[in-house]
Protein backbone atom coordinates (compact mmCIF):
# COMPACT_ATOMS: atom_id res chain seq x y z
CA MET A 1 100.51 -142.46 61.61
CA ILE A 2 102.84 -142.84 64.63
CA ALA A 3 100.26 -141.13 66.87
CA ALA A 4 97.56 -143.50 65.64
CA LEU A 5 99.82 -146.48 66.30
CA ALA A 6 100.65 -145.22 69.80
CA ALA A 7 96.95 -144.67 70.53
CA GLY A 8 96.21 -148.21 69.40
CA LEU A 9 98.88 -149.62 71.72
CA ALA A 10 97.79 -147.60 74.76
CA PHE A 11 96.05 -150.67 76.17
CA LEU A 12 99.47 -152.34 76.48
CA SER A 13 100.79 -149.82 79.02
CA PRO A 14 100.47 -151.11 82.57
CA ALA A 15 97.64 -149.81 84.71
CA PRO A 16 98.76 -147.48 87.48
CA ALA A 17 99.06 -148.78 91.01
CA ARG A 18 96.17 -147.65 93.20
CA MET A 19 96.20 -146.39 96.76
CA LEU A 20 93.61 -144.94 99.13
CA VAL A 21 94.54 -142.58 101.95
CA THR A 22 91.89 -141.94 104.59
CA ALA A 23 92.05 -138.68 106.55
CA ASP A 24 90.32 -137.60 109.73
CA GLU A 25 91.20 -135.60 112.82
CA TRP A 26 94.23 -136.15 113.23
CA THR A 27 95.40 -139.20 111.30
CA LEU A 28 96.30 -140.36 107.81
CA VAL A 29 95.86 -144.07 107.09
CA SER A 30 97.22 -145.48 103.83
CA SER A 31 95.90 -148.65 102.22
CA ARG A 32 99.45 -149.53 101.15
CA GLN A 33 102.88 -148.99 102.67
CA ARG A 34 104.84 -150.21 99.61
CA ILE A 35 104.27 -149.85 95.88
CA ALA A 36 106.24 -150.31 92.67
CA ALA A 37 107.84 -147.27 91.03
CA GLY A 38 105.79 -145.70 88.24
CA LYS A 39 102.30 -144.31 87.97
CA LEU A 40 100.16 -144.15 91.09
CA ALA A 41 96.43 -143.36 91.06
CA ILE A 42 95.87 -141.98 94.54
CA GLN A 43 92.61 -141.16 96.29
CA LEU A 44 92.18 -139.13 99.45
CA TYR A 45 88.97 -139.88 101.34
CA ASN A 46 88.13 -137.31 104.01
CA ARG A 47 86.05 -138.91 106.74
CA GLY A 48 86.78 -136.07 109.15
CA GLU A 49 84.92 -132.90 110.08
CA ASP A 50 87.50 -130.47 108.65
CA GLY A 51 88.98 -130.09 105.19
CA HIS A 52 92.18 -132.07 104.54
CA ASP A 53 94.67 -132.30 101.70
CA LEU A 54 97.59 -134.60 100.95
CA ALA A 55 101.19 -133.80 100.12
CA ALA A 56 104.02 -136.26 99.41
CA ARG A 57 107.76 -135.80 98.89
CA ARG A 58 110.56 -138.28 98.32
CA VAL A 59 113.18 -138.05 101.07
CA GLY A 60 116.05 -135.92 99.78
CA ALA A 61 114.05 -134.46 96.88
CA THR A 62 112.32 -131.09 96.44
CA ARG A 63 109.26 -131.91 94.31
CA THR A 64 105.99 -132.13 96.23
CA PHE A 65 103.06 -134.15 94.87
CA ARG A 66 99.58 -133.04 95.94
CA VAL A 67 95.92 -133.94 96.23
CA SER A 68 94.04 -130.68 96.72
CA GLU A 69 91.95 -129.91 99.77
CA THR A 70 89.04 -132.31 100.10
CA LYS A 71 85.89 -131.44 102.03
CA PRO A 72 84.42 -133.75 104.69
CA GLY A 73 82.81 -136.83 103.14
CA GLN A 74 84.43 -136.18 99.75
CA LEU A 75 87.04 -138.02 97.68
CA GLY A 76 90.01 -136.24 96.08
CA GLU A 77 92.07 -137.86 93.34
CA ALA A 78 95.37 -137.41 91.53
CA THR A 79 97.82 -139.42 89.45
CA TRP A 80 101.50 -139.22 90.33
CA ARG A 81 104.59 -140.74 88.73
CA LEU A 82 106.87 -141.81 91.58
CA LYS A 83 110.54 -142.81 91.53
CA ARG A 84 112.06 -145.36 93.87
CA GLY A 85 112.66 -144.20 97.41
CA ARG A 86 110.98 -143.40 100.70
CA TYR A 87 108.21 -140.80 100.66
CA ARG A 88 106.74 -138.75 103.45
CA LEU A 89 103.01 -138.03 103.26
CA TRP A 90 101.24 -135.33 105.26
CA CYS A 91 98.26 -133.01 105.40
CA ASP A 92 99.66 -129.61 104.43
CA LEU A 93 96.98 -127.47 106.04
CA PRO A 94 98.23 -125.30 108.93
CA GLY A 95 98.82 -127.36 112.08
CA HIS A 96 97.52 -130.66 110.69
CA SER A 97 100.87 -132.40 110.21
CA ALA A 98 102.02 -131.30 113.67
CA ALA A 99 98.79 -132.78 115.08
CA GLY A 100 99.71 -136.22 113.68
CA MET A 101 98.52 -136.27 110.07
CA ARG A 102 101.63 -137.99 108.68
CA ALA A 103 102.42 -141.29 107.00
CA SER A 104 105.19 -142.86 104.91
CA LEU A 105 105.38 -144.83 101.69
CA ARG A 106 108.17 -146.99 100.27
CA VAL A 107 108.43 -147.03 96.46
CA ARG A 108 110.56 -149.89 95.10
């Protein structure tokens, strides 16, 4: 009965924030620089010629959030639950971050 009640109230939970990150050689551009803490539906659009992925980590933390490698012209997606803080975002493929594929995000 509790499960049925919870399922019926699911529509009351807030929708996740949404963010698009666009990747190409050698940049990451985020549609948002600040979001509220909680669920984030994130999309990685690869408009480049090489595969790209996306990693994110809160400064001072050890957990890394990921969107798996996305082929050129494709869209990768993930849902993350983020705590307050400053996050670093980068393409985790060899040499990509060093080439400039980095961004930041403030979660308040």
